[in-house]
């Protein structure tokens, strides 16, 4: 290989190295994008789990409150009967 061949080879190697560095940079950017997307998916999954937990807690609370209202109505009915109040008067009188 003479000097002219070596001079031709050197720019080609530098171009190839520059191209490889460009490709490497692209891979790093893709990797960072993938990490960000994975974090987003994980956070959404956690959010969905939290929402599901809140929904279950709310349904339980609704059920408990409905039961408590039923007990209060039964207590009110017992008090009215104990006091001798006319239940039909209260039921049709707007309460």
PDB file of N, CA and C in Angstrom:
ATOM      1  N   UNK A   1       0.842  -1.158   0.000  1.00  0.00           N
ATOM      2  CA  UNK A   1       0.000   0.000   0.000  1.00  0.00           C
ATOM      3  C   UNK A   1       0.898   1.237   0.000  1.00  0.00           C
ATOM      4  N   UNK A   2       0.714   2.095  -0.946  1.00  0.00           N
ATOM      5  CA  UNK A   2       1.520   3.314  -0.970  1.00  0.00           C
ATOM      6  C   UNK A   2       0.798   4.431  -0.230  1.00  0.00           C
ATOM      7  N   UNK A   3       1.406   5.603  -0.167  1.00  0.00           N
ATOM      8  CA  UNK A   3       0.865   6.724   0.598  1.00  0.00           C
ATOM      9  C   UNK A   3      -0.468   7.214   0.066  1.00  0.00           C
ATOM     10  N   UNK A   4      -0.659   7.179  -1.246  1.00  0.00           N
ATOM     11  CA  UNK A   4      -1.935   7.646  -1.807  1.00  0.00           C
ATOM     12  C   UNK A   4      -3.077   6.743  -1.378  1.00  0.00           C
ATOM     13  N   UNK A   5      -2.853   5.430  -1.319  1.00  0.00           N
ATOM     14  CA  UNK A   5      -3.892   4.503  -0.839  1.00  0.00           C
ATOM     15  C   UNK A   5      -4.190   4.740   0.640  1.00  0.00           C
ATOM     16  N   UNK A   6      -3.163   5.031   1.420  1.00  0.00           N
ATOM     17  CA  UNK A   6      -3.340   5.284   2.847  1.00  0.00           C
ATOM     18  C   UNK A   6      -4.143   6.554   3.065  1.00  0.00           C
ATOM     19  N   UNK A   7      -3.923   7.573   2.253  1.00  0.00           N
ATOM     20  CA  UNK A   7      -4.675   8.816   2.383  1.00  0.00           C
ATOM     21  C   UNK A   7      -6.141   8.625   2.018  1.00  0.00           C
ATOM     22  N   UNK A   8      -6.392   7.776   1.052  1.00  0.00           N
ATOM     23  CA  UNK A   8      -7.778   7.483   0.655  1.00  0.00           C
ATOM     24  C   UNK A   8      -8.472   6.676   1.748  1.00  0.00           C
ATOM     25  N   UNK A   9      -7.747   5.738   2.356  1.00  0.00           N
ATOM     26  CA  UNK A   9      -8.320   4.882   3.405  1.00  0.00           C
ATOM     27  C   UNK A   9      -8.650   5.675   4.672  1.00  0.00           C
ATOM     28  N   UNK A  10      -7.823   6.648   5.031  1.00  0.00           N
ATOM     29  CA  UNK A  10      -8.013   7.398   6.267  1.00  0.00           C
ATOM     30  C   UNK A  10      -9.350   8.154   6.268  1.00  0.00           C
ATOM     31  N   UNK A  11      -9.719   8.927   5.256  1.00  0.00           N
ATOM     32  CA  UNK A  11     -11.033   9.601   5.275  1.00  0.00           C
ATOM     33  C   UNK A  11     -12.186   8.618   5.331  1.00  0.00           C
ATOM     34  N   UNK A  12     -12.058   7.486   4.672  1.00  0.00           N
ATOM     35  CA  UNK A  12     -13.130   6.497   4.718  1.00  0.00           C
ATOM     36  C   UNK A  12     -13.315   5.975   6.138  1.00  0.00           C
ATOM     37  N   UNK A  13     -12.202   5.737   6.844  1.00  0.00           N
ATOM     38  CA  UNK A  13     -12.284   5.249   8.228  1.00  0.00           C
ATOM     39  C   UNK A  13     -12.917   6.321   9.119  1.00  0.00           C
ATOM     40  N   UNK A  14     -12.527   7.560   8.922  1.00  0.00           N
ATOM     41  CA  UNK A  14     -13.096   8.640   9.730  1.00  0.00           C
ATOM     42  C   UNK A  14     -14.588   8.791   9.454  1.00  0.00           C
ATOM     43  N   UNK A  15     -14.978   8.634   8.191  1.00  0.00           N
ATOM     44  CA  UNK A  15     -16.410   8.689   7.853  1.00  0.00           C
ATOM     45  C   UNK A  15     -17.161   7.537   8.503  1.00  0.00           C
ATOM     46  N   UNK A  16     -16.546   6.363   8.469  1.00  0.00           N
ATOM     47  CA  UNK A  16     -17.189   5.196   9.081  1.00  0.00           C
ATOM     48  C   UNK A  16     -17.314   5.374  10.590  1.00  0.00           C
ATOM     49  N   UNK A  17     -16.285   5.895  11.228  1.00  0.00           N
ATOM     50  CA  UNK A  17     -16.325   6.124  12.675  1.00  0.00           C
ATOM     51  C   UNK A  17     -17.410   7.149  13.007  1.00  0.00           C
ATOM     52  N   UNK A  18     -17.475   8.223  12.223  1.00  0.00           N
ATOM     53  CA  UNK A  18     -18.502   9.245  12.443  1.00  0.00           C
ATOM     54  C   UNK A  18     -19.897   8.644  12.272  1.00  0.00           C
ATOM     55  N   UNK A  19     -20.042   7.808  11.268  1.00  0.00           N
ATOM     56  CA  UNK A  19     -21.340   7.158  11.017  1.00  0.00           C
ATOM     57  C   UNK A  19     -21.700   6.233  12.177  1.00  0.00           C
ATOM     58  N   UNK A  20     -20.723   5.473  12.677  1.00  0.00           N
ATOM     59  CA  UNK A  20     -20.971   4.580  13.810  1.00  0.00           C
ATOM     60  C   UNK A  20     -21.343   5.368  15.069  1.00  0.00           C
ATOM     61  N   UNK A  21     -20.680   6.497  15.291  1.00  0.00           N
ATOM     62  CA  UNK A  21     -21.013   7.331  16.445  1.00  0.00           C
ATOM     63  C   UNK A  21     -22.425   7.896  16.321  1.00  0.00           C
ATOM     64  N   UNK A  22     -22.795   8.236  15.106  1.00  0.00           N
ATOM     65  CA  UNK A  22     -24.151   8.733  14.855  1.00  0.00           C
ATOM     66  C   UNK A  22     -25.178   7.641  15.151  1.00  0.00           C
ATOM     67  N   UNK A  23     -24.886   6.431  14.709  1.00  0.00           N
ATOM     68  CA  UNK A  23     -25.784   5.298  14.956  1.00  0.00           C
ATOM     69  C   UNK A  23     -25.860   5.014  16.455  1.00  0.00           C
ATOM     70  N   UNK A  24     -24.716   5.072  17.141  1.00  0.00           N
ATOM     71  CA  UNK A  24     -24.670   4.835  18.577  1.00  0.00           C
ATOM     72  C   UNK A  24     -25.511   5.877  19.311  1.00  0.00           C
ATOM     73  N   UNK A  25     -25.429   7.115  18.914  1.00  0.00           N
ATOM     74  CA  UNK A  25     -26.233   8.173  19.513  1.00  0.00           C
ATOM     75  C   UNK A  25     -27.725   7.893  19.317  1.00  0.00           C
ATOM     76  N   UNK A  26     -28.081   7.456  18.117  1.00  0.00           N
ATOM     77  CA  UNK A  26     -29.478   7.098  17.836  1.00  0.00           C
ATOM     78  C   UNK A  26     -29.956   5.969  18.736  1.00  0.00           C
ATOM     79  N   UNK A  27     -29.088   4.959  18.944  1.00  0.00           N
ATOM     80  CA  UNK A  27     -29.445   3.852  19.836  1.00  0.00           C
ATOM     81  C   UNK A  27     -29.645   4.337  21.273  1.00  0.00           C
ATOM     82  N   UNK A  28     -28.779   5.245  21.723  1.00  0.00           N
ATOM     83  CA  UNK A  28     -28.919   5.773  23.084  1.00  0.00           C
ATOM     84  C   UNK A  28     -30.226   6.548  23.237  1.00  0.00           C
ATOM     85  N   UNK A  29     -30.569   7.325  22.224  1.00  0.00           N
ATOM     86  CA  UNK A  29     -31.828   8.078  22.280  1.00  0.00           C
ATOM     87  C   UNK A  29     -33.023   7.130  22.302  1.00  0.00           C
ATOM     88  N   UNK A  30     -32.958   6.075  21.482  1.00  0.00           N
ATOM     89  CA  UNK A  30     -34.038   5.081  21.480  1.00  0.00           C
ATOM     90  C   UNK A  30     -34.148   4.396  22.834  1.00  0.00           C
ATOM     91  N   UNK A  31     -33.002   4.074  23.428  1.00  0.00           N
ATOM     92  CA  UNK A  31     -32.999   3.431  24.740  1.00  0.00           C
ATOM     93  C   UNK A  31     -33.615   4.349  25.792  1.00  0.00           C
ATOM     94  N   UNK A  32     -33.247   5.610  25.781  1.00  0.00           N
ATOM     95  CA  UNK A  32     -33.835   6.565  26.727  1.00  0.00           C
ATOM     96  C   UNK A  32     -35.337   6.705  26.522  1.00  0.00           C
ATOM     97  N   UNK A  33     -35.769   6.760  25.273  1.00  0.00           N
ATOM     98  CA  UNK A  33     -37.209   6.840  24.975  1.00  0.00           C
ATOM     99  C   UNK A  33     -37.943   5.613  25.494  1.00  0.00           C
ATOM    100  N   UNK A  34     -37.341   4.447  25.316  1.00  0.00           N
ATOM    101  CA  UNK A  34     -37.964   3.213  25.800  1.00  0.00           C
ATOM    102  C   UNK A  34     -38.066   3.215  27.324  1.00  0.00           C
ATOM    103  N   UNK A  35     -37.019   3.675  28.000  1.00  0.00           N
ATOM    104  CA  UNK A  35     -37.064   3.755  29.465  1.00  0.00           C
ATOM    105  C   UNK A  35     -38.177   4.688  29.922  1.00  0.00           C
ATOM    106  N   UNK A  36     -38.326   5.827  29.265  1.00  0.00           N
ATOM    107  CA  UNK A  36     -39.388   6.768  29.630  1.00  0.00           C
ATOM    108  C   UNK A  36     -40.765   6.156  29.406  1.00  0.00           C
ATOM    109  N   UNK A  37     -40.922   5.458  28.304  1.00  0.00           N
ATOM    110  CA  UNK A  37     -42.217   4.831  28.018  1.00  0.00           C
ATOM    111  C   UNK A  37     -42.524   3.729  29.011  1.00  0.00           C
ATOM    112  N   UNK A  38     -41.513   2.963  29.401  1.00  0.00           N
ATOM    113  CA  UNK A  38     -41.716   1.911  30.399  1.00  0.00           C
ATOM    114  C   UNK A  38     -42.115   2.510  31.743  1.00  0.00           C
ATOM    115  N   UNK A  39     -41.485   3.607  32.122  1.00  0.00           N
ATOM    116  CA  UNK A  39     -41.855   4.274  33.372  1.00  0.00           C
ATOM    117  C   UNK A  39     -43.301   4.763  33.313  1.00  0.00           C
ATOM    118  N   UNK A  40     -43.699   5.277  32.174  1.00  0.00           N
ATOM    119  CA  UNK A  40     -45.070   5.751  32.002  1.00  0.00           C
ATOM    120  C   UNK A  40     -46.057   4.594  32.118  1.00  0.00           C
ATOM    121  N   UNK A  41     -45.742   3.482  31.479  1.00  0.00           N
ATOM    122  CA  UNK A  41     -46.620   2.305  31.544  1.00  0.00           C
ATOM    123  C   UNK A  41     -46.705   1.804  32.980  1.00  0.00           C
ATOM    124  N   UNK A  42     -45.566   1.754  33.679  1.00  0.00           N
ATOM    125  CA  UNK A  42     -45.569   1.311  35.073  1.00  0.00           C
ATOM    126  C   UNK A  42     -46.393   2.240  35.945  1.00  0.00           C
ATOM    127  N   UNK A  43     -46.258   3.541  35.733  1.00  0.00           N
ATOM    128  CA  UNK A  43     -47.017   4.486  36.553  1.00  0.00           C
ATOM    129  C   UNK A  43     -48.512   4.367  36.262  1.00  0.00           C
ATOM    130  N   UNK A  44     -48.867   4.129  35.023  1.00  0.00           N
ATOM    131  CA  UNK A  44     -50.286   3.954  34.687  1.00  0.00           C
ATOM    132  C   UNK A  44     -50.828   2.693  35.348  1.00  0.00           C
ATOM    133  N   UNK A  45     -50.012   1.643  35.390  1.00  0.00           N
ATOM    134  CA  UNK A  45     -50.441   0.398  36.017  1.00  0.00           C
ATOM    135  C   UNK A  45     -50.678   0.640  37.511  1.00  0.00           C
ATOM    136  N   UNK A  46     -49.757   1.364  38.153  1.00  0.00           N
ATOM    137  CA  UNK A  46     -49.928   1.693  39.566  1.00  0.00           C
ATOM    138  C   UNK A  46     -51.171   2.546  39.770  1.00  0.00           C
ATOM    139  N   UNK A  47     -51.397   3.478  38.863  1.00  0.00           N
ATOM    140  CA  UNK A  47     -52.572   4.330  38.951  1.00  0.00           C
ATOM    141  C   UNK A  47     -53.847   3.510  38.821  1.00  0.00           C
ATOM    142  N   UNK A  48     -53.854   2.567  37.891  1.00  0.00           N
ATOM    143  CA  UNK A  48     -55.028   1.720  37.714  1.00  0.00           C
ATOM    144  C   UNK A  48     -55.278   0.877  38.965  1.00  0.00           C
ATOM    145  N   UNK A  49     -54.188   0.369  39.559  1.00  0.00           N
ATOM    146  CA  UNK A  49     -54.347  -0.406  40.793  1.00  0.00           C
ATOM    147  C   UNK A  49     -54.899   0.468  41.913  1.00  0.00           C
ATOM    148  N   UNK A  50     -54.411   1.693  42.006  1.00  0.00           N
ATOM    149  CA  UNK A  50     -54.899   2.609  43.036  1.00  0.00           C
ATOM    150  C   UNK A  50     -56.372   2.927  42.827  1.00  0.00           C
ATOM    151  N   UNK A  51     -56.755   3.180  41.578  1.00  0.00           N
ATOM    152  CA  UNK A  51     -58.162   3.479  41.281  1.00  0.00           C
ATOM    153  C   UNK A  51     -59.054   2.283  41.602  1.00  0.00           C
ATOM    154  N   UNK A  52     -58.587   1.092  41.290  1.00  0.00           N
ATOM    155  CA  UNK A  52     -59.375  -0.107  41.582  1.00  0.00           C
ATOM    156  C   UNK A  52     -59.544  -0.272  43.086  1.00  0.00           C
ATOM    157  N   UNK A  53     -58.486  -0.023  43.825  1.00  0.00           N
ATOM    158  CA  UNK A  53     -58.557  -0.103  45.280  1.00  0.00           C
ATOM    159  C   UNK A  53     -59.530   0.934  45.837  1.00  0.00           C
ATOM    160  N   UNK A  54     -59.467   2.157  45.317  1.00  0.00           N
ATOM    161  CA  UNK A  54     -60.399   3.196  45.752  1.00  0.00           C
ATOM    162  C   UNK A  54     -61.842   2.834  45.420  1.00  0.00           C
ATOM    163  N   UNK A  55     -62.051   2.253  44.248  1.00  0.00           N
ATOM    164  CA  UNK A  55     -63.405   1.852  43.847  1.00  0.00           C
ATOM    165  C   UNK A  55     -63.952   0.785  44.799  1.00  0.00           C
ATOM    166  N   UNK A  56     -63.114  -0.201  45.143  1.00  0.00           N
ATOM    167  CA  UNK A  56     -63.549  -1.257  46.065  1.00  0.00           C
ATOM    168  C   UNK A  56     -63.858  -0.671  47.445  1.00  0.00           C
ATOM    169  N   UNK A  57     -63.006   0.240  47.908  1.00  0.00           N
ATOM    170  CA  UNK A  57     -63.249   0.878  49.206  1.00  0.00           C
ATOM    171  C   UNK A  57     -64.545   1.677  49.187  1.00  0.00           C
ATOM    172  N   UNK A  58     -64.809   2.369  48.098  1.00  0.00           N
ATOM    173  CA  UNK A  58     -66.035   3.161  47.986  1.00  0.00           C
ATOM    174  C   UNK A  58     -67.263   2.251  47.998  1.00  0.00           C
ATOM    175  N   UNK A  59     -67.200   1.146  47.289  1.00  0.00           N
ATOM    176  CA  UNK A  59     -68.339   0.215  47.274  1.00  0.00           C
ATOM    177  C   UNK A  59     -68.581  -0.375  48.660  1.00  0.00           C
ATOM    178  N   UNK A  60     -67.519  -0.683  49.361  1.00  0.00           N
ATOM    179  CA  UNK A  60     -67.649  -1.201  50.722  1.00  0.00           C
ATOM    180  C   UNK A  60     -68.288  -0.155  51.622  1.00  0.00           C
ATOM    181  N   UNK A  61     -67.835   1.086  51.485  1.00  0.00           N
ATOM    182  CA  UNK A  61     -68.382   2.182  52.301  1.00  0.00           C
ATOM    183  C   UNK A  61     -69.857   2.407  51.985  1.00  0.00           C
ATOM    184  N   UNK A  62     -70.232   2.335  50.716  1.00  0.00           N
ATOM    185  CA  UNK A  62     -71.643   2.483  50.325  1.00  0.00           C
ATOM    186  C   UNK A  62     -72.479   1.393  50.971  1.00  0.00           C
ATOM    187  N   UNK A  63     -71.979   0.176  50.921  1.00  0.00           N
ATOM    188  CA  UNK A  63     -72.708  -0.937  51.520  1.00  0.00           C
ATOM    189  C   UNK A  63     -72.870  -0.733  53.031  1.00  0.00           C
ATOM    190  N   UNK A  64     -71.787  -0.306  53.678  1.00  0.00           N
ATOM    191  CA  UNK A  64     -71.854  -0.045  55.122  1.00  0.00           C
ATOM    192  C   UNK A  64     -72.856   1.055  55.447  1.00  0.00           C
ATOM    193  N   UNK A  65     -72.843   2.120  54.657  1.00  0.00           N
ATOM    194  CA  UNK A  65     -73.767   3.230  54.895  1.00  0.00           C
ATOM    195  C   UNK A  65     -75.220   2.813  54.663  1.00  0.00           C
ATOM    196  N   UNK A  66     -75.454   2.015  53.641  1.00  0.00           N
ATOM    197  CA  UNK A  66     -76.821   1.535  53.389  1.00  0.00           C
ATOM    198  C   UNK A  66     -77.315   0.699  54.568  1.00  0.00           C
ATOM    199  N   UNK A  67     -76.422  -0.134  55.108  1.00  0.00           N
ATOM    200  CA  UNK A  67     -76.794  -0.948  56.264  1.00  0.00           C
ATOM    201  C   UNK A  67     -77.077  -0.059  57.470  1.00  0.00           C
ATOM    202  N   UNK A  68     -76.252   0.966  57.672  1.00  0.00           N
ATOM    203  CA  UNK A  68     -76.443   1.887  58.792  1.00  0.00           C
ATOM    204  C   UNK A  68     -77.768   2.644  58.664  1.00  0.00           C
ATOM    205  N   UNK A  69     -78.110   3.084  57.453  1.00  0.00           N
ATOM    206  CA  UNK A  69     -79.382   3.772  57.226  1.00  0.00           C
ATOM    207  C   UNK A  69     -80.540   2.842  57.549  1.00  0.00           C
ATOM    208  N   UNK A  70     -80.437   1.587  57.154  1.00  0.00           N
ATOM    209  CA  UNK A  70     -81.504   0.615  57.454  1.00  0.00           C
ATOM    210  C   UNK A  70     -81.673   0.466  58.965  1.00  0.00           C
ATOM    211  N   UNK A  71     -80.543   0.374  59.682  1.00  0.00           N
ATOM    212  CA  UNK A  71     -80.631   0.267  61.141  1.00  0.00           C
ATOM    213  C   UNK A  71     -81.267   1.511  61.752  1.00  0.00           C
ATOM    214  N   UNK A  72     -80.906   2.682  61.260  1.00  0.00           N
ATOM    215  CA  UNK A  72     -81.489   3.920  61.773  1.00  0.00           C
ATOM    216  C   UNK A  72     -82.991   3.989  61.502  1.00  0.00           C
ATOM    217  N   UNK A  73     -83.393   3.527  60.342  1.00  0.00           N
ATOM    218  CA  UNK A  73     -84.836   3.511  60.037  1.00  0.00           C
ATOM    219  C   UNK A  73     -85.573   2.552  60.973  1.00  0.00           C
ATOM    220  N   UNK A  74     -84.948   1.401  61.214  1.00  0.00           N
ATOM    221  CA  UNK A  74     -85.566   0.450  62.138  1.00  0.00           C
ATOM    222  C   UNK A  74     -85.653   1.036  63.543  1.00  0.00           C
ATOM    223  N   UNK A  75     -84.590   1.735  63.984  1.00  0.00           N
ATOM    224  CA  UNK A  75     -84.605   2.375  65.294  1.00  0.00           C
ATOM    225  C   UNK A  75     -85.694   3.442  65.361  1.00  0.00           C
ATOM    226  N   UNK A  76     -85.802   4.235  64.306  1.00  0.00           N
ATOM    227  CA  UNK A  76     -86.825   5.276  64.262  1.00  0.00           C
ATOM    228  C   UNK A  76     -88.232   4.662  64.332  1.00  0.00           C
ATOM    229  N   UNK A  77     -88.422   3.586  63.634  1.00  0.00           N
ATOM    230  CA  UNK A  77     -89.720   2.907  63.651  1.00  0.00           C
ATOM    231  C   UNK A  77     -90.029   2.392  65.063  1.00  0.00           C
ATOM    232  N   UNK A  78     -89.011   1.834  65.706  1.00  0.00           N
ATOM    233  CA  UNK A  78     -89.206   1.325  67.072  1.00  0.00           C
ATOM    234  C   UNK A  78     -89.524   2.460  68.040  1.00  0.00           C
ATOM    235  N   UNK A  79     -88.846   3.581  67.904  1.00  0.00           N
ATOM    236  CA  UNK A  79     -89.108   4.733  68.785  1.00  0.00           C
ATOM    237  C   UNK A  79     -90.522   5.250  68.572  1.00  0.00           C
ATOM    238  N   UNK A  80     -90.938   5.342  67.321  1.00  0.00           N
ATOM    239  CA  UNK A  80     -92.296   5.825  67.034  1.00  0.00           C
ATOM    240  C   UNK A  80     -93.333   4.874  67.620  1.00  0.00           C
ATOM    241  N   UNK A  81     -93.078   3.586  67.477  1.00  0.00           N
ATOM    242  CA  UNK A  81     -94.025   2.608  68.038  1.00  0.00           C
ATOM    243  C   UNK A  81     -94.036   2.691  69.555  1.00  0.00           C
ATOM    244  N   UNK A  82     -92.874   2.869  70.161  1.00  0.00           N
ATOM    245  CA  UNK A  82     -92.777   2.985  71.619  1.00  0.00           C
ATOM    246  C   UNK A  82     -93.534   4.206  72.135  1.00  0.00           C
ATOM    247  N   UNK A  83     -93.447   5.286  71.391  1.00  0.00           N
ATOM    248  CA  UNK A  83     -94.131   6.509  71.789  1.00  0.00           C
ATOM    249  C   UNK A  83     -95.609   6.497  71.419  1.00  0.00           C
ATOM    250  N   UNK A  84     -96.015   5.481  70.663  1.00  0.00           N
ATOM    251  CA  UNK A  84     -97.416   5.363  70.285  1.00  0.00           C
ATOM    252  C   UNK A  84     -97.799   6.310  69.166  1.00  0.00           C
ATOM    253  N   UNK A  85     -96.845   6.722  68.371  1.00  0.00           N
ATOM    254  CA  UNK A  85     -97.141   7.636  67.268  1.00  0.00           C
ATOM    255  C   UNK A  85     -97.699   6.850  66.095  1.00  0.00           C
ATOM    256  N   UNK A  86     -98.587   7.486  65.358  1.00  0.00           N
ATOM    257  CA  UNK A  86     -99.224   6.863  64.203  1.00  0.00           C
ATOM    258  C   UNK A  86     -98.235   6.877  63.030  1.00  0.00           C
ATOM    259  N   UNK A  87     -97.747   5.714  62.631  1.00  0.00           N
ATOM    260  CA  UNK A  87     -96.758   5.612  61.558  1.00  0.00           C
ATOM    261  C   UNK A  87     -97.344   6.039  60.223  1.00  0.00           C
ATOM    262  N   UNK A  88     -98.638   5.772  60.004  1.00  0.00           N
ATOM    263  CA  UNK A  88     -99.256   6.141  58.732  1.00  0.00           C
ATOM    264  C   UNK A  88     -99.308   7.656  58.573  1.00  0.00           C
ATOM    265  N   UNK A  89     -99.495   8.357  59.671  1.00  0.00           N
ATOM    266  CA  UNK A  89     -99.538   9.820  59.628  1.00  0.00           C
ATOM    267  C   UNK A  89     -98.173  10.362  59.156  1.00  0.00           C
ATOM    268  N   UNK A  90     -97.063   9.805  59.621  1.00  0.00           N
ATOM    269  CA  UNK A  90     -95.750  10.276  59.260  1.00  0.00           C
ATOM    270  C   UNK A  90     -95.355   9.832  57.853  1.00  0.00           C
ATOM    271  N   UNK A  91     -95.803   8.651  57.458  1.00  0.00           N
ATOM    272  CA  UNK A  91     -95.464   8.149  56.139  1.00  0.00           C
ATOM    273  C   UNK A  91     -96.200   8.915  55.041  1.00  0.00           C
ATOM    274  N   UNK A  92     -97.448   9.302  55.280  1.00  0.00           N
ATOM    275  CA  UNK A  92     -98.198  10.014  54.251  1.00  0.00           C
ATOM    276  C   UNK A  92     -98.137  11.527  54.425  1.00  0.00           C
ATOM    277  N   UNK A  93     -97.612  12.006  55.556  1.00  0.00           N
ATOM    278  CA  UNK A  93     -97.611  13.419  55.870  1.00  0.00           C
ATOM    279  C   UNK A  93     -96.431  14.178  55.316  1.00  0.00           C
ATOM    280  N   UNK A  94     -95.600  13.602  54.537  1.00  0.00           N
ATOM    281  CA  UNK A  94     -94.512  14.332  53.904  1.00  0.00           C
ATOM    282  C   UNK A  94     -93.162  14.099  54.504  1.00  0.00           C
ATOM    283  N   UNK A  95     -93.011  13.189  55.427  1.00  0.00           N
ATOM    284  CA  UNK A  95     -91.663  12.946  55.948  1.00  0.00           C
ATOM    285  C   UNK A  95     -91.036  11.740  55.334  1.00  0.00           C
TER     286      UNK A  95
END
